[in-house]
Amino acid sequence: MALPTQQASIAWTFYTHNTTLDIAFFGNFISPSGWVGFGINPNSPEMTGTSALIAFPDPNSGVLVVLSYILDSTVKLQKTQLLSRPLDIHLVESSAILYGGKMATIHNGAAVQIYATIKLEPNETKINLVWNRGLYVQSYSPTIHPTSVNDLSSVATVDVLSGVSAPHHENTYTMKNVHGVLNAISWGLLLPIGAVTARYFRHMKSVGVSWFYAHAGIQLSAFVLGTTGFAIGIRLGDMSPGVVYGIHRNLGIAAFCLGGLQTLALLFRPKTTNKFRKYWKSYHHFVGYGCVVLGVVNVFQGFEVMGLSGSYAKLGYCLALSTTIGACVALEVNSWVIFCRKAKEENMRREGFVGGFEKESVSSNK
């Protein structure tokens, strides 16, 4: 059976009379000093709690070895080194060989086969399979694997009796794309455009109060779309146990909370004559610009999480954001030009008034 990530695959024979599983895992090294491993999680389809067999070149002799490890929560948080120890599952025997036999060498792309005989629990034919690979091994302790989307999605549930791989949320890919598109449009584009509308158009007498309705409409639309994207993100987290993008998640929660505060601020907007109006304006500006900054930063973080840092999607977003920033710069320069012109005209009027007053005083004295 081909596994969904890393071009890995498995083959197995299940003996129903004694619930014994002979399984072979096929993977590839990504570094001459790296590691390749797979394991079974008896409780859930995630890394934490997995009993794993990891193959790597012996740091002393360079010979391929395979050792057993338990991936507990301390390993995931990188609080302790990953040390070899007996597994929680009934492992009868295990071994590993390189594809190509004794003459094969470990290099980037080298294929490895890990074999194991495991005694399963009675009436248990479904196994939660977890696999991955890393770049380095330090003193028999495999280091953390890459954290791209594919690397963090290396999990599958397989029924060894029927040979069926349980559908592990097949719509996840579509949901990720929808989540990314909605959030890039809302938090990453509409929200900055709404802020630009308020900053540069409210002083234009020709537009009247239309700038306010445009500002409010754009920001509310952005918040509605952003809330939908945020909800999809929460759902994706629930569908991917053990997969946590800490920075992206925290930035998203912070941006959503600030967006919610901005929306509530509309309900408590004081009149222009109210003495608390200036405090409300300061709060509205501070929270609004903070929300814009967090939203844009998190969009770029999302591209990193999805492994799209060099994609056309990111390029398109950068072009759209650059256009918005360019418009801001042009409007800011225009605002300063108008401000300086008005200040100069005001000074000229004052000087003219003072000069005229002095001439009139001299004439009257004569």
Protein backbone atom coordinates (compact mmCIF):
# COMPACT_ATOMS: atom_id res chain seq x y z
CA MET A 1 0.00 0.00 0.00
CA ALA A 2 1.33 3.45 -0.97
CA LEU A 3 1.19 5.91 1.93
CA PRO A 4 -0.02 9.49 1.30
CA THR A 5 3.25 11.34 2.04
CA GLN A 6 7.05 11.13 1.58
CA GLN A 7 6.70 8.44 -1.15
CA ALA A 8 6.56 5.83 1.61
CA SER A 9 4.74 2.50 1.45
CA ILE A 10 4.03 -0.61 3.50
CA ALA A 11 3.45 -4.31 2.90
CA TRP A 12 2.17 -6.81 5.46
CA THR A 13 0.82 -10.25 6.26
CA PHE A 14 -1.71 -10.66 9.06
CA TYR A 15 -2.13 -14.06 10.73
CA THR A 16 -5.65 -14.18 12.11
CA HIS A 17 -5.18 -17.34 14.18
CA ASN A 18 -2.67 -15.67 16.52
CA THR A 19 -3.19 -11.94 15.61
CA THR A 20 0.43 -11.58 14.54
CA LEU A 21 1.40 -8.92 12.01
CA ASP A 22 4.46 -9.12 9.76
CA ILE A 23 4.95 -5.62 8.36
CA ALA A 24 7.54 -4.01 6.09
CA PHE A 25 7.92 -0.24 5.81
CA PHE A 26 9.65 1.36 2.80
CA GLY A 27 11.05 4.90 3.10
CA ASN A 28 13.88 7.15 1.92
CA PHE A 29 16.68 9.00 3.68
CA ILE A 30 16.94 12.76 3.20
CA SER A 31 20.48 12.98 4.57
CA PRO A 32 23.50 10.64 4.82
CA SER A 33 23.42 11.16 8.60
CA GLY A 34 19.65 11.16 8.89
CA TRP A 35 17.01 8.71 10.02
CA VAL A 36 13.88 6.99 8.74
CA GLY A 37 11.23 5.47 10.96
CA PHE A 38 7.68 4.28 11.36
CA GLY A 39 5.54 3.22 14.28
CA ILE A 40 2.13 2.32 15.61
CA ASN A 41 0.09 4.46 17.97
CA PRO A 42 -2.25 2.17 19.92
CA ASN A 43 -4.53 5.03 20.97
CA SER A 44 -4.97 7.66 18.25
CA PRO A 45 -3.67 8.68 14.80
CA GLU A 46 -0.97 11.12 15.97
CA MET A 47 2.72 11.23 16.77
CA THR A 48 2.45 11.56 20.56
CA GLY A 49 2.19 8.10 22.09
CA THR A 50 3.62 6.27 19.07
CA SER A 51 5.85 3.21 19.51
CA ALA A 52 8.38 3.62 16.71
CA LEU A 53 11.21 1.76 15.01
CA ILE A 54 13.84 4.16 13.64
CA ALA A 55 16.68 3.19 11.29
CA PHE A 56 19.87 5.25 10.94
CA PRO A 57 23.64 4.80 10.44
CA ASP A 58 25.45 3.91 13.65
CA PRO A 59 27.37 7.06 14.75
CA ASN A 60 30.45 4.93 15.49
CA SER A 61 30.57 2.29 12.77
CA GLY A 62 28.27 3.72 10.08
CA VAL A 63 26.40 0.40 9.87
CA LEU A 64 22.63 0.64 9.51
CA VAL A 65 20.86 -0.02 12.84
CA VAL A 66 17.22 0.03 13.90
CA LEU A 67 16.22 0.92 17.48
CA SER A 68 12.91 1.24 19.31
CA TYR A 69 11.62 4.56 20.67
CA ILE A 70 8.48 5.87 22.38
CA LEU A 71 7.40 9.31 21.20
CA ASP A 72 5.88 10.90 24.30
CA SER A 73 4.83 14.52 24.84
CA THR A 74 8.27 15.58 26.17
CA VAL A 75 9.84 14.56 22.88
CA LYS A 76 7.29 16.54 20.88
CA LEU A 77 7.99 19.66 22.95
CA GLN A 78 11.74 18.99 22.57
CA LYS A 79 12.21 19.07 26.34
CA THR A 80 14.30 15.90 26.36
CA GLN A 81 16.36 13.85 23.93
CA LEU A 82 14.72 10.91 22.22
CA LEU A 83 16.27 7.84 23.84
CA SER A 84 15.82 4.22 22.83
CA ARG A 85 13.66 2.10 25.14
CA PRO A 86 11.29 -0.90 25.00
CA LEU A 87 8.00 -0.34 23.21
CA ASP A 88 4.49 -0.27 24.63
CA ILE A 89 3.37 -2.72 21.95
CA HIS A 90 4.33 -6.40 21.76
CA LEU A 91 7.28 -6.33 19.35
CA VAL A 92 8.51 -9.82 18.52
CA GLU A 93 11.43 -8.89 16.27
CA SER A 94 12.66 -6.13 13.97
CA SER A 95 15.37 -5.46 11.38
CA ALA A 96 16.33 -2.99 8.64
CA ILE A 97 18.22 -3.18 5.35
CA LEU A 98 19.12 -0.75 2.60
CA TYR A 99 17.63 -1.27 -0.84
CA GLY A 100 20.43 -2.73 -2.92
CA GLY A 101 21.82 -5.16 -0.36
CA LYS A 102 25.17 -5.14 1.40
CA MET A 103 26.83 -2.95 -1.23
CA ALA A 104 24.30 -0.13 -0.75
CA THR A 105 25.34 3.05 1.08
CA ILE A 106 23.36 5.61 3.02
CA HIS A 107 22.94 8.82 1.05
CA ASN A 108 20.32 11.43 0.30
CA GLY A 109 17.49 9.47 -1.34
CA ALA A 110 18.71 6.03 -0.27
CA ALA A 111 15.82 3.59 0.14
CA VAL A 112 15.48 1.65 3.40
CA GLN A 113 13.25 -1.25 4.38
CA ILE A 114 12.26 -1.74 8.03
CA TYR A 115 10.75 -5.08 9.01
CA ALA A 116 8.83 -5.91 12.19
CA THR A 117 6.75 -8.70 13.66
CA ILE A 118 4.13 -7.39 16.06
CA LYS A 119 1.58 -9.15 18.23
CA LEU A 120 -1.71 -7.24 18.08
CA GLU A 121 -4.45 -7.24 20.69
CA PRO A 122 -7.29 -9.73 20.11
CA ASN A 123 -10.06 -8.39 17.83
CA GLU A 124 -7.92 -5.37 16.96
CA THR A 125 -7.23 -5.21 13.22
CA LYS A 126 -6.93 -1.43 12.74
CA ILE A 127 -3.57 0.21 13.35
CA ASN A 128 -2.70 3.90 13.51
CA LEU A 129 0.44 4.11 11.41
CA VAL A 130 2.88 7.03 11.84
CA TRP A 131 6.06 7.55 9.81
CA ASN A 132 8.67 10.25 9.21
CA ARG A 133 12.31 11.04 8.47
CA GLY A 134 14.91 13.51 9.72
CA LEU A 135 18.24 15.07 8.90
CA TYR A 136 20.46 14.20 11.87
CA VAL A 137 21.09 11.70 14.65
CA GLN A 138 23.03 12.84 17.72
CA SER A 139 24.46 10.03 19.88
CA TYR A 140 21.72 7.55 18.93
CA SER A 141 19.08 10.26 19.48
CA PRO A 142 17.16 11.19 16.29
CA THR A 143 16.59 14.94 16.03
CA ILE A 144 13.34 16.67 15.06
CA HIS A 145 12.01 16.01 11.56
CA PRO A 146 11.08 18.79 9.08
CA THR A 147 7.77 20.49 9.82
CA SER A 148 6.23 21.02 6.40
CA VAL A 149 2.58 20.15 5.82
CA ASN A 150 3.48 16.76 4.32
CA ASP A 151 5.83 15.88 7.16
CA LEU A 152 3.20 16.75 9.75
CA SER A 153 0.53 14.76 7.89
CA SER A 154 2.39 11.44 7.88
CA VAL A 155 -0.30 9.38 9.56
CA ALA A 156 -2.84 6.82 8.36
CA THR A 157 -5.24 4.29 9.86
CA VAL A 158 -5.06 0.89 8.16
CA ASP A 159 -7.24 -2.17 8.62
CA VAL A 160 -4.72 -5.01 8.28
CA LEU A 161 -7.49 -7.59 7.85
CA SER A 162 -9.39 -5.97 4.98
CA GLY A 163 -6.49 -3.97 3.56
CA VAL A 164 -8.50 -0.75 3.62
CA SER A 165 -6.95 2.57 4.62
CA ALA A 166 -9.45 4.57 6.62
CA PRO A 167 -10.28 7.92 4.96
CA HIS A 168 -8.32 10.37 7.09
CA HIS A 169 -10.41 13.46 6.37
CA GLU A 170 -9.94 13.47 2.62
CA ASN A 171 -11.47 16.94 2.38
CA THR A 172 -8.70 18.42 4.52
CA TYR A 173 -6.78 19.64 1.48
CA THR A 174 -9.80 21.53 0.13
CA MET A 175 -10.56 22.97 3.55
CA LYS A 176 -6.96 24.20 3.90
CA ASN A 177 -7.20 25.97 0.55
CA VAL A 178 -10.53 27.59 1.43
CA HIS A 179 -9.16 28.59 4.84
CA GLY A 180 -6.11 30.17 3.21
CA VAL A 181 -8.02 32.02 0.47
CA LEU A 182 -10.65 33.44 2.84
CA ASN A 183 -8.10 34.64 5.37
CA ALA A 184 -5.75 36.11 2.75
CA ILE A 185 -8.62 38.11 1.25
CA SER A 186 -10.17 39.20 4.55
CA TRP A 187 -7.34 39.72 7.06
CA GLY A 188 -4.65 40.24 4.45
CA LEU A 189 -6.33 42.58 1.93
CA LEU A 190 -9.81 43.86 2.83
CA LEU A 191 -8.84 44.90 6.35
CA PRO A 192 -5.88 47.06 5.19
CA ILE A 193 -8.02 48.54 2.39
CA GLY A 194 -10.70 49.46 4.93
CA ALA A 195 -8.10 51.18 7.10
CA VAL A 196 -6.79 53.09 4.07
CA THR A 197 -10.33 54.22 3.24
CA ALA A 198 -10.79 55.74 6.69
CA ARG A 199 -7.36 57.34 6.88
CA TYR A 200 -7.22 59.11 3.52
CA PHE A 201 -10.82 59.73 2.42
CA ARG A 202 -12.46 61.13 5.53
CA HIS A 203 -10.76 64.51 4.99
CA MET A 204 -11.99 64.81 1.39
CA LYS A 205 -14.99 67.13 1.35
CA SER A 206 -16.06 65.81 -2.06
CA VAL A 207 -16.94 62.35 -0.69
CA GLY A 208 -18.85 63.62 2.33
CA VAL A 209 -19.80 60.86 4.79
CA SER A 210 -19.56 58.17 2.11
CA TRP A 211 -16.08 57.28 3.37
CA PHE A 212 -17.58 56.14 6.69
CA TYR A 213 -20.08 53.76 5.08
CA ALA A 214 -17.38 52.43 2.75
CA HIS A 215 -15.02 51.93 5.71
CA ALA A 216 -17.63 50.20 7.84
CA GLY A 217 -18.85 48.02 4.95
CA ILE A 218 -15.37 46.87 3.97
CA GLN A 219 -14.34 46.12 7.56
CA LEU A 220 -17.55 44.24 8.34
CA SER A 221 -17.20 42.18 5.15
CA ALA A 222 -13.59 41.43 6.07
CA PHE A 223 -14.59 40.35 9.58
CA VAL A 224 -17.39 38.08 8.32
CA LEU A 225 -15.07 36.39 5.80
CA GLY A 226 -12.29 36.26 8.40
CA THR A 227 -14.60 34.67 10.95
CA THR A 228 -15.52 31.98 8.42
CA GLY A 229 -11.84 31.35 7.70
CA PHE A 230 -11.07 31.31 11.42
CA ALA A 231 -13.84 28.74 12.05
CA ILE A 232 -12.47 26.52 9.27
CA GLY A 233 -9.03 26.79 10.86
CA ILE A 234 -10.44 25.65 14.22
CA ARG A 235 -12.12 22.72 12.49
CA LEU A 236 -8.89 21.78 10.74
CA GLY A 237 -7.17 21.73 14.12
CA ASP A 238 -9.83 19.35 15.47
CA MET A 239 -9.41 17.10 12.42
CA SER A 240 -5.62 16.94 12.83
CA PRO A 241 -4.86 15.74 16.37
CA GLY A 242 -1.24 16.18 17.32
CA VAL A 243 -0.57 18.71 14.54
CA VAL A 244 -0.19 22.20 16.05
CA TYR A 245 1.10 25.31 14.30
CA GLY A 246 1.71 27.37 17.44
CA ILE A 247 2.69 30.74 15.94
CA HIS A 248 0.03 30.65 13.20
CA ARG A 249 -2.63 29.59 15.68
CA ASN A 250 -1.79 32.24 18.27
CA LEU A 251 -1.58 35.03 15.69
CA GLY A 252 -4.94 33.95 14.29
CA ILE A 253 -6.61 34.00 17.70
CA ALA A 254 -5.13 37.42 18.50
CA ALA A 255 -6.25 38.90 15.16
CA PHE A 256 -9.75 37.45 15.56
CA CYS A 257 -10.08 38.87 19.10
CA LEU A 258 -8.96 42.33 17.96
CA GLY A 259 -11.35 42.15 15.02
CA GLY A 260 -14.17 41.26 17.39
CA LEU A 261 -13.31 44.21 19.63
CA GLN A 262 -13.35 46.53 16.60
CA THR A 263 -16.78 45.26 15.60
CA LEU A 264 -18.13 45.77 19.11
CA ALA A 265 -16.67 49.28 19.11
CA LEU A 266 -19.25 50.29 16.49
CA LEU A 267 -22.02 49.61 19.00
CA PHE A 268 -20.45 51.93 21.58
CA ARG A 269 -19.32 54.74 19.29
CA PRO A 270 -19.86 58.05 21.15
CA LYS A 271 -21.15 61.17 19.45
CA THR A 272 -18.65 63.77 18.29
CA THR A 273 -19.69 66.07 21.15
CA ASN A 274 -19.14 63.40 23.82
CA LYS A 275 -16.12 63.98 26.08
CA PHE A 276 -15.11 60.30 25.72
CA ARG A 277 -14.97 60.55 21.94
CA LYS A 278 -11.19 61.18 21.87
CA TYR A 279 -10.52 58.10 24.01
CA TRP A 280 -12.72 55.98 21.77
CA LYS A 281 -10.83 57.24 18.68
CA SER A 282 -7.48 56.37 20.25
CA TYR A 283 -8.74 52.89 21.14
CA HIS A 284 -10.24 52.40 17.67
CA HIS A 285 -7.01 53.42 15.92
CA PHE A 286 -4.72 51.35 18.15
CA VAL A 287 -6.79 48.16 17.99
CA GLY A 288 -7.51 48.60 14.27
CA TYR A 289 -3.91 49.02 13.17
CA GLY A 290 -2.86 46.20 15.49
CA CYS A 291 -5.43 43.91 13.87
CA VAL A 292 -4.20 44.86 10.37
CA VAL A 293 -0.56 44.13 11.24
CA LEU A 294 -1.37 40.79 12.90
CA GLY A 295 -3.58 39.77 9.98
CA VAL A 296 -0.96 40.47 7.32
CA VAL A 297 1.83 38.79 9.31
CA ASN A 298 -0.33 35.72 9.86
CA VAL A 299 -1.13 35.43 6.16
CA PHE A 300 2.60 35.10 5.46
CA GLN A 301 2.86 32.62 8.33
CA GLY A 302 0.06 30.64 6.71
CA PHE A 303 2.00 30.42 3.45
CA GLU A 304 4.93 28.97 5.42
CA VAL A 305 2.68 26.45 7.18
CA MET A 306 1.20 25.25 3.88
CA GLY A 307 4.64 24.98 2.29
CA LEU A 308 3.81 27.70 -0.27
CA SER A 309 6.64 30.09 0.53
CA GLY A 310 7.83 30.02 -3.09
CA SER A 311 4.46 29.61 -4.80
CA TYR A 312 2.58 31.73 -7.33
CA ALA A 313 -0.19 32.13 -4.74
CA LYS A 314 2.20 33.94 -2.40
CA LEU A 315 3.55 35.98 -5.30
CA GLY A 316 0.03 37.05 -6.23
CA TYR A 317 -0.73 38.06 -2.67
CA CYS A 318 2.53 40.00 -2.43
CA LEU A 319 1.66 41.89 -5.63
CA ALA A 320 -1.82 42.75 -4.30
CA LEU A 321 -0.42 43.84 -0.94
CA SER A 322 2.35 45.83 -2.62
CA THR A 323 -0.26 47.62 -4.74
CA THR A 324 -2.17 48.53 -1.58
CA ILE A 325 0.99 49.76 0.11
CA GLY A 326 1.91 51.74 -3.00
CA ALA A 327 -1.51 53.38 -2.97
CA CYS A 328 -0.99 54.22 0.72
CA VAL A 329 2.34 55.86 -0.02
CA ALA A 330 0.87 57.89 -2.87
CA LEU A 331 -2.10 59.00 -0.77
CA GLU A 332 0.18 59.82 2.16
CA VAL A 333 2.41 61.98 -0.05
CA ASN A 334 -0.66 63.66 -1.51
CA SER A 335 -1.99 64.34 2.00
CA TRP A 336 1.28 65.95 3.02
CA VAL A 337 1.40 68.06 -0.14
CA ILE A 338 -2.13 69.32 0.50
CA PHE A 339 -1.32 69.92 4.17
CA CYS A 340 1.84 71.90 3.35
CA ARG A 341 0.00 73.90 0.67
CA LYS A 342 -2.80 74.81 3.05
CA ALA A 343 -0.30 75.70 5.77
CA LYS A 344 1.57 77.94 3.33
CA GLU A 345 -1.65 79.61 2.18
CA GLU A 346 -2.68 80.13 5.79
CA ASN A 347 0.67 81.75 6.58
CA MET A 348 0.36 83.99 3.53
CA ARG A 349 -3.13 85.07 4.57
CA ARG A 350 -1.91 85.85 8.05
CA GLU A 351 1.08 87.80 6.75
CA GLY A 352 -1.15 89.67 4.34
CA PHE A 353 -3.60 90.48 7.09
CA VAL A 354 -0.84 91.68 9.42
CA GLY A 355 0.85 93.70 6.66
CA GLY A 356 -2.43 95.30 5.68
CA PHE A 357 -3.20 96.13 9.30
CA GLU A 358 0.22 97.81 9.76
CA LYS A 359 -0.19 99.90 6.58
CA GLU A 360 -3.65 100.99 7.69
CA SER A 361 -2.28 101.99 11.13
CA VAL A 362 0.53 104.06 9.55
CA SER A 363 -1.93 105.84 7.26
CA SER A 364 -4.27 106.72 10.12
CA ASN A 365 -1.35 108.09 12.19
CA LYS A 366 -0.38 110.34 9.29
